[in-house]
Amino acid sequence: MVAPPATSTLIPVPAGHIGSIVTSLEMLAPPPPQPPAKSALKLERWPAPVDRGRYLDLFRAIGEPWLWRGRLVMDDARLAAILDAPTTEVRVATRRDGTPVGLLELDFAVPGECEIAYFGMVPGMTGAGHGAWLMAHALRYGWRPGVARVWVHTCDLDHPAALDFYQRHGFRPFARAMEHFEDPRLIGLYPRGAAPRVPIIAPPEQA
């Protein structure tokens, strides 16, 4: 029996945009209780009203290598409405001198669910166990009474170990999607030299 020819579909991405594959992962039961490992870092909550300038500085510092854009394309009113909502918790990992080096943002807007909306460390802080420490706190705060599902999403622009990291901590993939958006380097959100592994394909007027 001859197998049918393999087929695939290439979906064009417009010049000036970036395409990525987004994987969503979920956890439907809390893991066994496990205290976070000892760390030289502290985790503090930034209560409402969250200082948007300080928040965006940290967001950029963490997100530049991975071209995070979600919070950078919002106007101030929309960002404030999200960060200051009673269903949002912004927690920040800091050095002992108070320097922010990590972000944990939890979203409880959907009853019975917790989305880990943003999770990351600044460059230079990965690979030393800080991510596992921060994830232990994420699960501790995410699995509050009444929550039946904790979920997160990542994409192929993120750290290459991100997908494996989430799965090692008990998350299971449940959905995959494709997205494309304006290259944040071409609209001034990051310098053109950011994330050099992702080539810039600019339209002629931006080349």
C-alpha atoms as a PDB file:
ATOM      1  CA  MET A   1       0.000   0.000   0.000  1.00  0.00           C
ATOM      2  CA  VAL A   2       1.407   3.382  -1.003  1.00  0.00           C
ATOM      3  CA  ALA A   3       1.127   6.137   1.584  1.00  0.00           C
ATOM      4  CA  PRO A   4      -0.538   9.337   0.379  1.00  0.00           C
ATOM      5  CA  PRO A   5       1.851  12.209  -0.235  1.00  0.00           C
ATOM      6  CA  ALA A   6       2.508  14.398   2.760  1.00  0.00           C
ATOM      7  CA  THR A   7       0.956  17.838   2.562  1.00  0.00           C
ATOM      8  CA  SER A   8       1.522  21.010   4.487  1.00  0.00           C
ATOM      9  CA  THR A   9       0.328  24.573   4.356  1.00  0.00           C
ATOM     10  CA  LEU A  10       2.605  27.570   4.485  1.00  0.00           C
ATOM     11  CA  ILE A  11       0.873  30.609   5.932  1.00  0.00           C
ATOM     12  CA  PRO A  12       2.532  33.824   4.735  1.00  0.00           C
ATOM     13  CA  VAL A  13       3.511  36.377   7.362  1.00  0.00           C
ATOM     14  CA  PRO A  14       3.329  39.969   6.107  1.00  0.00           C
ATOM     15  CA  ALA A  15       6.563  41.924   5.850  1.00  0.00           C
ATOM     16  CA  GLY A  16       7.066  43.907   9.024  1.00  0.00           C
ATOM     17  CA  HIS A  17       5.375  41.220  11.112  1.00  0.00           C
ATOM     18  CA  ILE A  18       6.592  38.234  13.111  1.00  0.00           C
ATOM     19  CA  GLY A  19       4.888  34.844  13.172  1.00  0.00           C
ATOM     20  CA  SER A  20       4.984  32.444  16.102  1.00  0.00           C
ATOM     21  CA  ILE A  21       3.402  29.256  17.403  1.00  0.00           C
ATOM     22  CA  VAL A  22       1.703  29.632  20.784  1.00  0.00           C
ATOM     23  CA  THR A  23       1.323  26.598  23.044  1.00  0.00           C
ATOM     24  CA  SER A  24      -1.117  26.692  25.961  1.00  0.00           C
ATOM     25  CA  LEU A  25      -0.563  24.431  28.960  1.00  0.00           C
ATOM     26  CA  GLU A  26      -2.715  23.657  31.983  1.00  0.00           C
ATOM     27  CA  MET A  27      -2.665  22.012  35.368  1.00  0.00           C
ATOM     28  CA  LEU A  28      -5.965  20.609  36.645  1.00  0.00           C
ATOM     29  CA  ALA A  29      -4.924  19.657  40.174  1.00  0.00           C
ATOM     30  CA  PRO A  30      -2.403  21.196  42.533  1.00  0.00           C
ATOM     31  CA  PRO A  31       0.945  19.445  42.847  1.00  0.00           C
ATOM     32  CA  PRO A  32       2.054  18.046  46.210  1.00  0.00           C
ATOM     33  CA  PRO A  33       2.894  20.935  48.549  1.00  0.00           C
ATOM     34  CA  GLN A  34       6.540  21.868  48.268  1.00  0.00           C
ATOM     35  CA  PRO A  35       8.077  24.973  49.809  1.00  0.00           C
ATOM     36  CA  PRO A  36      10.164  27.109  47.466  1.00  0.00           C
ATOM     37  CA  ALA A  37      13.887  26.420  47.658  1.00  0.00           C
ATOM     38  CA  LYS A  38      15.965  28.926  49.557  1.00  0.00           C
ATOM     39  CA  SER A  39      16.948  31.884  47.445  1.00  0.00           C
ATOM     40  CA  ALA A  40      18.900  35.089  47.749  1.00  0.00           C
ATOM     41  CA  LEU A  41      15.918  36.780  46.122  1.00  0.00           C
ATOM     42  CA  LYS A  42      12.809  38.126  47.781  1.00  0.00           C
ATOM     43  CA  LEU A  43       9.283  38.106  46.361  1.00  0.00           C
ATOM     44  CA  GLU A  44       7.210  41.195  47.010  1.00  0.00           C
ATOM     45  CA  ARG A  45       3.723  42.140  45.907  1.00  0.00           C
ATOM     46  CA  TRP A  46       3.176  45.396  44.069  1.00  0.00           C
ATOM     47  CA  PRO A  47      -0.287  46.469  45.233  1.00  0.00           C
ATOM     48  CA  ALA A  48      -2.661  48.674  43.276  1.00  0.00           C
ATOM     49  CA  PRO A  49      -2.157  51.237  41.996  1.00  0.00           C
ATOM     50  CA  VAL A  50       0.857  49.621  40.349  1.00  0.00           C
ATOM     51  CA  ASP A  51       3.535  52.071  39.236  1.00  0.00           C
ATOM     52  CA  ARG A  52       3.213  51.621  35.464  1.00  0.00           C
ATOM     53  CA  GLY A  53       6.588  53.140  34.662  1.00  0.00           C
ATOM     54  CA  ARG A  54       8.365  50.805  37.042  1.00  0.00           C
ATOM     55  CA  TYR A  55       6.336  47.859  35.816  1.00  0.00           C
ATOM     56  CA  LEU A  56       7.072  48.586  32.143  1.00  0.00           C
ATOM     57  CA  ASP A  57      10.789  49.005  32.843  1.00  0.00           C
ATOM     58  CA  LEU A  58      10.836  45.502  34.322  1.00  0.00           C
ATOM     59  CA  PHE A  59       8.620  44.128  31.546  1.00  0.00           C
ATOM     60  CA  ARG A  60      11.046  45.447  28.909  1.00  0.00           C
ATOM     61  CA  ALA A  61      14.131  44.227  30.773  1.00  0.00           C
ATOM     62  CA  ILE A  62      12.713  40.697  30.940  1.00  0.00           C
ATOM     63  CA  GLY A  63      10.968  40.674  27.584  1.00  0.00           C
ATOM     64  CA  GLU A  64      13.483  42.243  25.202  1.00  0.00           C
ATOM     65  CA  PRO A  65      15.299  38.987  24.321  1.00  0.00           C
ATOM     66  CA  TRP A  66      11.933  37.313  23.633  1.00  0.00           C
ATOM     67  CA  LEU A  67      10.160  40.304  22.053  1.00  0.00           C
ATOM     68  CA  TRP A  68       7.401  40.515  24.656  1.00  0.00           C
ATOM     69  CA  ARG A  69       4.935  43.136  23.498  1.00  0.00           C
ATOM     70  CA  GLY A  70       1.545  42.595  25.161  1.00  0.00           C
ATOM     71  CA  ARG A  71       1.776  45.301  27.814  1.00  0.00           C
ATOM     72  CA  LEU A  72       3.816  47.692  25.657  1.00  0.00           C
ATOM     73  CA  VAL A  73       1.081  48.205  23.059  1.00  0.00           C
ATOM     74  CA  MET A  74      -1.585  49.181  25.613  1.00  0.00           C
ATOM     75  CA  ASP A  75      -2.494  52.737  26.443  1.00  0.00           C
ATOM     76  CA  ASP A  76      -2.075  53.798  30.058  1.00  0.00           C
ATOM     77  CA  ALA A  77      -5.761  53.523  30.933  1.00  0.00           C
ATOM     78  CA  ARG A  78      -6.071  49.960  29.696  1.00  0.00           C
ATOM     79  CA  LEU A  79      -2.845  48.889  31.380  1.00  0.00           C
ATOM     80  CA  ALA A  80      -3.942  50.465  34.654  1.00  0.00           C
ATOM     81  CA  ALA A  81      -7.318  48.725  34.450  1.00  0.00           C
ATOM     82  CA  ILE A  82      -5.572  45.349  34.153  1.00  0.00           C
ATOM     83  CA  LEU A  83      -2.807  45.820  36.687  1.00  0.00           C
ATOM     84  CA  ASP A  84      -5.023  47.447  39.298  1.00  0.00           C
ATOM     85  CA  ALA A  85      -7.944  45.022  38.918  1.00  0.00           C
ATOM     86  CA  PRO A  86      -8.799  43.101  42.093  1.00  0.00           C
ATOM     87  CA  THR A  87      -8.371  39.899  40.066  1.00  0.00           C
ATOM     88  CA  THR A  88      -4.740  40.683  39.157  1.00  0.00           C
ATOM     89  CA  GLU A  89      -1.740  40.000  41.380  1.00  0.00           C
ATOM     90  CA  VAL A  90       1.650  41.441  40.455  1.00  0.00           C
ATOM     91  CA  ARG A  91       4.551  39.942  42.376  1.00  0.00           C
ATOM     92  CA  VAL A  92       8.153  40.859  41.729  1.00  0.00           C
ATOM     93  CA  ALA A  93      11.367  39.030  42.556  1.00  0.00           C
ATOM     94  CA  THR A  94      13.987  41.422  43.867  1.00  0.00           C
ATOM     95  CA  ARG A  95      17.573  41.346  44.946  1.00  0.00           C
ATOM     96  CA  ARG A  96      18.251  42.184  48.579  1.00  0.00           C
ATOM     97  CA  ASP A  97      18.904  45.782  47.584  1.00  0.00           C
ATOM     98  CA  GLY A  98      15.407  45.988  46.091  1.00  0.00           C
ATOM     99  CA  THR A  99      16.407  45.749  42.410  1.00  0.00           C
ATOM    100  CA  PRO A 100      13.579  44.004  40.476  1.00  0.00           C
ATOM    101  CA  VAL A 101      14.803  40.958  38.546  1.00  0.00           C
ATOM    102  CA  GLY A 102      11.707  38.794  38.008  1.00  0.00           C
ATOM    103  CA  LEU A 103       8.004  39.123  37.294  1.00  0.00           C
ATOM    104  CA  LEU A 104       5.075  36.926  38.291  1.00  0.00           C
ATOM    105  CA  GLU A 105       1.690  38.200  37.181  1.00  0.00           C
ATOM    106  CA  LEU A 106      -1.397  36.139  38.042  1.00  0.00           C
ATOM    107  CA  ASP A 107      -4.849  36.696  36.545  1.00  0.00           C
ATOM    108  CA  PHE A 108      -7.928  35.410  38.406  1.00  0.00           C
ATOM    109  CA  ALA A 109     -10.483  37.148  36.163  1.00  0.00           C
ATOM    110  CA  VAL A 110     -12.134  33.873  35.112  1.00  0.00           C
ATOM    111  CA  PRO A 111     -13.856  32.267  38.113  1.00  0.00           C
ATOM    112  CA  GLY A 112     -12.212  29.008  39.120  1.00  0.00           C
ATOM    113  CA  GLU A 113      -9.093  29.691  37.054  1.00  0.00           C
ATOM    114  CA  CYS A 114      -5.690  31.258  37.430  1.00  0.00           C
ATOM    115  CA  GLU A 115      -3.715  32.306  34.385  1.00  0.00           C
ATOM    116  CA  ILE A 116      -0.011  32.873  34.810  1.00  0.00           C
ATOM    117  CA  ALA A 117      -0.153  35.899  32.553  1.00  0.00           C
ATOM    118  CA  TYR A 118       3.548  36.792  32.728  1.00  0.00           C
ATOM    119  CA  PHE A 119       6.453  34.887  34.199  1.00  0.00           C
ATOM    120  CA  GLY A 120      10.130  35.624  33.659  1.00  0.00           C
ATOM    121  CA  MET A 121      13.511  36.722  34.898  1.00  0.00           C
ATOM    122  CA  VAL A 122      15.874  39.383  33.559  1.00  0.00           C
ATOM    123  CA  PRO A 123      18.810  38.183  31.422  1.00  0.00           C
ATOM    124  CA  GLY A 124      21.567  36.686  33.526  1.00  0.00           C
ATOM    125  CA  MET A 125      19.168  35.262  36.124  1.00  0.00           C
ATOM    126  CA  THR A 126      18.191  32.133  34.212  1.00  0.00           C
ATOM    127  CA  GLY A 127      19.880  28.777  34.650  1.00  0.00           C
ATOM    128  CA  ALA A 128      20.611  29.209  38.354  1.00  0.00           C
ATOM    129  CA  GLY A 129      17.398  27.815  39.841  1.00  0.00           C
ATOM    130  CA  HIS A 130      15.643  31.171  40.164  1.00  0.00           C
ATOM    131  CA  GLY A 131      12.956  30.154  37.676  1.00  0.00           C
ATOM    132  CA  ALA A 132      12.082  27.036  39.681  1.00  0.00           C
ATOM    133  CA  TRP A 133      11.955  29.162  42.837  1.00  0.00           C
ATOM    134  CA  LEU A 134       9.604  31.628  41.154  1.00  0.00           C
ATOM    135  CA  MET A 135       7.417  28.826  39.766  1.00  0.00           C
ATOM    136  CA  ALA A 136       7.058  27.325  43.244  1.00  0.00           C
ATOM    137  CA  HIS A 137       5.662  30.680  44.354  1.00  0.00           C
ATOM    138  CA  ALA A 138       3.433  30.870  41.259  1.00  0.00           C
ATOM    139  CA  LEU A 139       1.830  27.539  42.116  1.00  0.00           C
ATOM    140  CA  ARG A 140       1.587  28.442  45.787  1.00  0.00           C
ATOM    141  CA  TYR A 141      -0.323  31.642  45.039  1.00  0.00           C
ATOM    142  CA  GLY A 142      -2.196  30.334  42.002  1.00  0.00           C
ATOM    143  CA  TRP A 143      -3.748  27.323  43.694  1.00  0.00           C
ATOM    144  CA  ARG A 144      -5.912  29.259  46.094  1.00  0.00           C
ATOM    145  CA  PRO A 145      -9.267  27.940  47.370  1.00  0.00           C
ATOM    146  CA  GLY A 146     -11.833  27.796  44.561  1.00  0.00           C
ATOM    147  CA  VAL A 147      -9.270  27.463  41.760  1.00  0.00           C
ATOM    148  CA  ALA A 148      -9.639  24.290  39.686  1.00  0.00           C
ATOM    149  CA  ARG A 149      -7.281  25.126  36.840  1.00  0.00           C
ATOM    150  CA  VAL A 150      -3.982  26.955  36.488  1.00  0.00           C
ATOM    151  CA  TRP A 151      -2.766  27.632  32.985  1.00  0.00           C
ATOM    152  CA  VAL A 152      -0.048  29.407  31.069  1.00  0.00           C
ATOM    153  CA  HIS A 153       1.011  29.938  27.488  1.00  0.00           C
ATOM    154  CA  THR A 154       4.365  30.219  25.797  1.00  0.00           C
ATOM    155  CA  CYS A 155       5.521  30.632  22.223  1.00  0.00           C
ATOM    156  CA  ASP A 156       8.499  29.735  20.080  1.00  0.00           C
ATOM    157  CA  LEU A 157       9.904  33.254  20.529  1.00  0.00           C
ATOM    158  CA  ASP A 158      10.370  32.576  24.253  1.00  0.00           C
ATOM    159  CA  HIS A 159      13.398  31.004  25.896  1.00  0.00           C
ATOM    160  CA  PRO A 160      14.069  27.689  24.120  1.00  0.00           C
ATOM    161  CA  ALA A 161      13.733  25.826  27.430  1.00  0.00           C
ATOM    162  CA  ALA A 162      10.393  27.425  28.377  1.00  0.00           C
ATOM    163  CA  LEU A 163       8.091  24.692  27.066  1.00  0.00           C
ATOM    164  CA  ASP A 164      10.087  21.929  28.742  1.00  0.00           C
ATOM    165  CA  PHE A 165      10.283  23.991  31.947  1.00  0.00           C
ATOM    166  CA  TYR A 166       6.506  24.253  32.234  1.00  0.00           C
ATOM    167  CA  GLN A 167       6.013  20.569  31.499  1.00  0.00           C
ATOM    168  CA  ARG A 168       8.607  19.574  34.105  1.00  0.00           C
ATOM    169  CA  HIS A 169       6.606  21.547  36.657  1.00  0.00           C
ATOM    170  CA  GLY A 170       3.416  19.636  35.920  1.00  0.00           C
ATOM    171  CA  PHE A 171       1.726  21.579  33.112  1.00  0.00           C
ATOM    172  CA  ARG A 172       0.326  19.656  30.147  1.00  0.00           C
ATOM    173  CA  PRO A 173      -0.139  21.138  26.665  1.00  0.00           C
ATOM    174  CA  PHE A 174      -3.766  21.371  25.562  1.00  0.00           C
ATOM    175  CA  ALA A 175      -3.858  23.770  22.607  1.00  0.00           C
ATOM    176  CA  ARG A 176      -1.676  25.243  19.902  1.00  0.00           C
ATOM    177  CA  ALA A 177      -2.269  28.292  17.731  1.00  0.00           C
ATOM    178  CA  MET A 178      -0.426  30.503  15.286  1.00  0.00           C
ATOM    179  CA  GLU A 179      -0.253  34.278  15.550  1.00  0.00           C
ATOM    180  CA  HIS A 180       1.465  37.143  13.832  1.00  0.00           C
ATOM    181  CA  PHE A 181       1.914  40.732  14.900  1.00  0.00           C
ATOM    182  CA  GLU A 182       3.874  43.829  14.029  1.00  0.00           C
ATOM    183  CA  ASP A 183       7.553  43.386  14.736  1.00  0.00           C
ATOM    184  CA  PRO A 184       8.025  45.365  17.981  1.00  0.00           C
ATOM    185  CA  ARG A 185      11.482  46.462  16.818  1.00  0.00           C
ATOM    186  CA  LEU A 186       9.998  48.178  13.760  1.00  0.00           C
ATOM    187  CA  ILE A 187       7.482  50.164  15.801  1.00  0.00           C
ATOM    188  CA  GLY A 188      10.020  51.371  18.348  1.00  0.00           C
ATOM    189  CA  LEU A 189       9.199  49.130  21.301  1.00  0.00           C
ATOM    190  CA  TYR A 190      12.692  47.616  21.267  1.00  0.00           C
ATOM    191  CA  PRO A 191      15.935  48.530  19.494  1.00  0.00           C
ATOM    192  CA  ARG A 192      16.519  46.878  16.127  1.00  0.00           C
ATOM    193  CA  GLY A 193      19.360  44.870  17.607  1.00  0.00           C
ATOM    194  CA  ALA A 194      17.078  43.078  20.079  1.00  0.00           C
ATOM    195  CA  ALA A 195      16.553  39.311  19.671  1.00  0.00           C
ATOM    196  CA  PRO A 196      19.035  38.961  16.796  1.00  0.00           C
ATOM    197  CA  ARG A 197      18.081  35.298  16.345  1.00  0.00           C
ATOM    198  CA  VAL A 198      14.749  36.515  14.896  1.00  0.00           C
ATOM    199  CA  PRO A 199      15.467  38.200  11.545  1.00  0.00           C
ATOM    200  CA  ILE A 200      13.761  41.465  10.719  1.00  0.00           C
ATOM    201  CA  ILE A 201      11.873  41.302   7.434  1.00  0.00           C
ATOM    202  CA  ALA A 202      10.822  44.893   6.920  1.00  0.00           C
ATOM    203  CA  PRO A 203       8.598  46.323   4.204  1.00  0.00           C
ATOM    204  CA  PRO A 204      10.505  48.576   1.787  1.00  0.00           C
ATOM    205  CA  GLU A 205       9.447  51.790   3.548  1.00  0.00           C
ATOM    206  CA  GLN A 206      10.939  50.542   6.847  1.00  0.00           C
ATOM    207  CA  ALA A 207      14.009  48.761   5.477  1.00  0.00           C
END
